[in-house]
């Protein structure tokens, strides 16, 4: 194989491997409930 084809194949393998690595790290976090005090004056209006 020519040098450019080998370089392209290696680059493609690195990019695909990086995508799988990043996809494996993505984990969904459970939603966190945040309670906030609300003034009653803000609700009237």
PDB file of N, CA and C in Angstrom:
ATOM      1  N   UNK A   1       0.839  -1.191   0.000  1.00  0.00           N
ATOM      2  CA  UNK A   1       0.000   0.000   0.000  1.00  0.00           C
ATOM      3  C   UNK A   1       0.880   1.249   0.000  1.00  0.00           C
ATOM      4  N   UNK A   2       0.344   2.290  -0.541  1.00  0.00           N
ATOM      5  CA  UNK A   2       1.119   3.525  -0.575  1.00  0.00           C
ATOM      6  C   UNK A   2       1.107   4.198   0.795  1.00  0.00           C
ATOM      7  N   UNK A   3       2.014   5.115   0.962  1.00  0.00           N
ATOM      8  CA  UNK A   3       2.176   5.797   2.244  1.00  0.00           C
ATOM      9  C   UNK A   3       0.942   6.632   2.592  1.00  0.00           C
ATOM     10  N   UNK A   4       0.335   7.268   1.602  1.00  0.00           N
ATOM     11  CA  UNK A   4      -0.841   8.109   1.871  1.00  0.00           C
ATOM     12  C   UNK A   4      -2.044   7.268   2.291  1.00  0.00           C
ATOM     13  N   UNK A   5      -2.196   6.095   1.706  1.00  0.00           N
ATOM     14  CA  UNK A   5      -3.311   5.218   2.086  1.00  0.00           C
ATOM     15  C   UNK A   5      -3.130   4.728   3.518  1.00  0.00           C
ATOM     16  N   UNK A   6      -1.908   4.360   3.890  1.00  0.00           N
ATOM     17  CA  UNK A   6      -1.640   3.913   5.250  1.00  0.00           C
ATOM     18  C   UNK A   6      -1.897   5.036   6.253  1.00  0.00           C
ATOM     19  N   UNK A   7      -1.495   6.259   5.915  1.00  0.00           N
ATOM     20  CA  UNK A   7      -1.734   7.402   6.791  1.00  0.00           C
ATOM     21  C   UNK A   7      -3.223   7.642   6.966  1.00  0.00           C
ATOM     22  N   UNK A   8      -3.978   7.534   5.874  1.00  0.00           N
ATOM     23  CA  UNK A   8      -5.425   7.731   5.932  1.00  0.00           C
ATOM     24  C   UNK A   8      -6.091   6.657   6.790  1.00  0.00           C
ATOM     25  N   UNK A   9      -5.663   5.424   6.661  1.00  0.00           N
ATOM     26  CA  UNK A   9      -6.240   4.324   7.449  1.00  0.00           C
ATOM     27  C   UNK A   9      -5.941   4.521   8.933  1.00  0.00           C
ATOM     28  N   UNK A  10      -4.707   4.891   9.255  1.00  0.00           N
ATOM     29  CA  UNK A  10      -4.339   5.109  10.662  1.00  0.00           C
ATOM     30  C   UNK A  10      -5.122   6.276  11.246  1.00  0.00           C
ATOM     31  N   UNK A  11      -5.260   7.355  10.482  1.00  0.00           N
ATOM     32  CA  UNK A  11      -6.025   8.508  10.944  1.00  0.00           C
ATOM     33  C   UNK A  11      -7.491   8.133  11.180  1.00  0.00           C
ATOM     34  N   UNK A  12      -8.056   7.346  10.279  1.00  0.00           N
ATOM     35  CA  UNK A  12      -9.448   6.913  10.423  1.00  0.00           C
ATOM     36  C   UNK A  12      -9.634   6.048  11.668  1.00  0.00           C
ATOM     37  N   UNK A  13      -8.686   5.161  11.932  1.00  0.00           N
ATOM     38  CA  UNK A  13      -8.762   4.293  13.121  1.00  0.00           C
ATOM     39  C   UNK A  13      -8.673   5.134  14.395  1.00  0.00           C
ATOM     40  N   UNK A  14      -7.808   6.134  14.400  1.00  0.00           N
ATOM     41  CA  UNK A  14      -7.667   6.991  15.585  1.00  0.00           C
ATOM     42  C   UNK A  14      -8.943   7.795  15.821  1.00  0.00           C
ATOM     43  N   UNK A  15      -9.531   8.333  14.761  1.00  0.00           N
ATOM     44  CA  UNK A  15     -10.749   9.134  14.911  1.00  0.00           C
ATOM     45  C   UNK A  15     -11.907   8.265  15.400  1.00  0.00           C
ATOM     46  N   UNK A  16     -12.076   7.092  14.805  1.00  0.00           N
ATOM     47  CA  UNK A  16     -13.168   6.202  15.219  1.00  0.00           C
ATOM     48  C   UNK A  16     -12.955   5.728  16.654  1.00  0.00           C
ATOM     49  N   UNK A  17     -11.726   5.422  17.021  1.00  0.00           N
ATOM     50  CA  UNK A  17     -11.431   5.025  18.398  1.00  0.00           C
ATOM     51  C   UNK A  17     -11.719   6.148  19.383  1.00  0.00           C
ATOM     52  N   UNK A  18     -11.393   7.375  19.004  1.00  0.00           N
ATOM     53  CA  UNK A  18     -11.696   8.519  19.861  1.00  0.00           C
ATOM     54  C   UNK A  18     -13.188   8.727  20.034  1.00  0.00           C
ATOM     55  N   UNK A  19     -13.938   8.521  18.964  1.00  0.00           N
ATOM     56  CA  UNK A  19     -15.400   8.660  19.066  1.00  0.00           C
ATOM     57  C   UNK A  19     -15.982   7.614  20.013  1.00  0.00           C
ATOM     58  N   UNK A  20     -15.507   6.384  19.920  1.00  0.00           N
ATOM     59  CA  UNK A  20     -15.993   5.350  20.836  1.00  0.00           C
ATOM     60  C   UNK A  20     -15.592   5.649  22.276  1.00  0.00           C
ATOM     61  N   UNK A  21     -14.400   6.198  22.463  1.00  0.00           N
ATOM     62  CA  UNK A  21     -13.952   6.546  23.812  1.00  0.00           C
ATOM     63  C   UNK A  21     -14.832   7.632  24.406  1.00  0.00           C
ATOM     64  N   UNK A  22     -15.125   8.659  23.622  1.00  0.00           N
ATOM     65  CA  UNK A  22     -15.975   9.739  24.125  1.00  0.00           C
ATOM     66  C   UNK A  22     -17.410   9.268  24.336  1.00  0.00           C
ATOM     67  N   UNK A  23     -17.899   8.400  23.471  1.00  0.00           N
ATOM     68  CA  UNK A  23     -19.260   7.894  23.621  1.00  0.00           C
ATOM     69  C   UNK A  23     -19.391   7.020  24.863  1.00  0.00           C
ATOM     70  N   UNK A  24     -18.345   6.314  25.210  1.00  0.00           N
ATOM     71  CA  UNK A  24     -18.373   5.463  26.394  1.00  0.00           C
ATOM     72  C   UNK A  24     -18.345   6.257  27.684  1.00  0.00           C
ATOM     73  N   UNK A  25     -17.789   7.460  27.633  1.00  0.00           N
ATOM     74  CA  UNK A  25     -17.702   8.282  28.842  1.00  0.00           C
ATOM     75  C   UNK A  25     -19.006   8.988  29.149  1.00  0.00           C
ATOM     76  N   UNK A  26     -19.877   9.154  28.170  1.00  0.00           N
ATOM     77  CA  UNK A  26     -21.119   9.908  28.360  1.00  0.00           C
ATOM     78  C   UNK A  26     -22.077   9.081  29.222  1.00  0.00           C
ATOM     79  N   UNK A  27     -22.348   9.546  30.385  1.00  0.00           N
ATOM     80  CA  UNK A  27     -23.282   8.887  31.303  1.00  0.00           C
ATOM     81  C   UNK A  27     -24.353   9.890  31.695  1.00  0.00           C
ATOM     82  N   UNK A  28     -25.582   9.435  31.702  1.00  0.00           N
ATOM     83  CA  UNK A  28     -26.667  10.328  32.105  1.00  0.00           C
ATOM     84  C   UNK A  28     -26.683  10.464  33.615  1.00  0.00           C
ATOM     85  N   UNK A  29     -26.795  11.687  34.071  1.00  0.00           N
ATOM     86  CA  UNK A  29     -26.877  11.944  35.501  1.00  0.00           C
ATOM     87  C   UNK A  29     -28.345  12.060  35.887  1.00  0.00           C
ATOM     88  N   UNK A  30     -28.717  11.501  37.032  1.00  0.00           N
ATOM     89  CA  UNK A  30     -30.109  11.632  37.469  1.00  0.00           C
ATOM     90  C   UNK A  30     -30.428  13.084  37.789  1.00  0.00           C
ATOM     91  N   UNK A  31     -31.655  13.512  37.530  1.00  0.00           N
ATOM     92  CA  UNK A  31     -32.015  14.905  37.817  1.00  0.00           C
ATOM     93  C   UNK A  31     -31.948  15.201  39.312  1.00  0.00           C
ATOM     94  N   UNK A  32     -31.487  16.379  39.624  1.00  0.00           N
ATOM     95  CA  UNK A  32     -31.362  16.807  41.010  1.00  0.00           C
ATOM     96  C   UNK A  32     -32.487  17.794  41.307  1.00  0.00           C
ATOM     97  N   UNK A  33     -33.201  17.553  42.376  1.00  0.00           N
ATOM     98  CA  UNK A  33     -34.310  18.432  42.739  1.00  0.00           C
ATOM     99  C   UNK A  33     -33.786  19.609  43.552  1.00  0.00           C
ATOM    100  N   UNK A  34     -34.098  20.789  43.097  1.00  0.00           N
ATOM    101  CA  UNK A  34     -33.657  21.998  43.769  1.00  0.00           C
ATOM    102  C   UNK A  34     -34.880  22.744  44.263  1.00  0.00           C
ATOM    103  N   UNK A  35     -34.938  22.953  45.555  1.00  0.00           N
ATOM    104  CA  UNK A  35     -36.057  23.690  46.124  1.00  0.00           C
ATOM    105  C   UNK A  35     -35.627  25.119  46.389  1.00  0.00           C
ATOM    106  N   UNK A  36     -36.455  26.054  45.997  1.00  0.00           N
ATOM    107  CA  UNK A  36     -36.111  27.454  46.112  1.00  0.00           C
ATOM    108  C   UNK A  36     -37.273  28.191  46.753  1.00  0.00           C
ATOM    109  N   UNK A  37     -36.962  29.052  47.692  1.00  0.00           N
ATOM    110  CA  UNK A  37     -37.998  29.834  48.360  1.00  0.00           C
ATOM    111  C   UNK A  37     -38.541  30.891  47.397  1.00  0.00           C
ATOM    112  N   UNK A  38     -39.862  31.013  47.353  1.00  0.00           N
ATOM    113  CA  UNK A  38     -40.514  31.987  46.475  1.00  0.00           C
ATOM    114  C   UNK A  38     -41.349  32.922  47.336  1.00  0.00           C
ATOM    115  N   UNK A  39     -41.185  34.226  47.124  1.00  0.00           N
ATOM    116  CA  UNK A  39     -41.988  35.198  47.861  1.00  0.00           C
ATOM    117  C   UNK A  39     -43.427  35.191  47.336  1.00  0.00           C
ATOM    118  N   UNK A  40     -44.385  35.304  48.234  1.00  0.00           N
ATOM    119  CA  UNK A  40     -45.776  35.332  47.804  1.00  0.00           C
ATOM    120  C   UNK A  40     -46.085  36.617  47.024  1.00  0.00           C
ATOM    121  N   UNK A  41     -45.348  37.668  47.282  1.00  0.00           N
ATOM    122  CA  UNK A  41     -45.572  38.916  46.561  1.00  0.00           C
ATOM    123  C   UNK A  41     -45.256  38.760  45.066  1.00  0.00           C
ATOM    124  N   UNK A  42     -44.345  37.882  44.727  1.00  0.00           N
ATOM    125  CA  UNK A  42     -44.009  37.651  43.329  1.00  0.00           C
ATOM    126  C   UNK A  42     -45.112  36.905  42.601  1.00  0.00           C
ATOM    127  N   UNK A  43     -45.886  36.132  43.329  1.00  0.00           N
ATOM    128  CA  UNK A  43     -46.943  35.339  42.701  1.00  0.00           C
ATOM    129  C   UNK A  43     -48.195  36.154  42.417  1.00  0.00           C
ATOM    130  N   UNK A  44     -48.384  37.211  43.155  1.00  0.00           N
ATOM    131  CA  UNK A  44     -49.564  38.049  42.937  1.00  0.00           C
ATOM    132  C   UNK A  44     -49.217  39.106  41.906  1.00  0.00           C
ATOM    133  N   UNK A  45     -50.002  39.160  40.864  1.00  0.00           N
ATOM    134  CA  UNK A  45     -49.590  40.192  40.006  1.00  0.00           C
ATOM    135  C   UNK A  45     -50.233  40.397  38.753  1.00  0.00           C
TER     136      UNK A  45
END
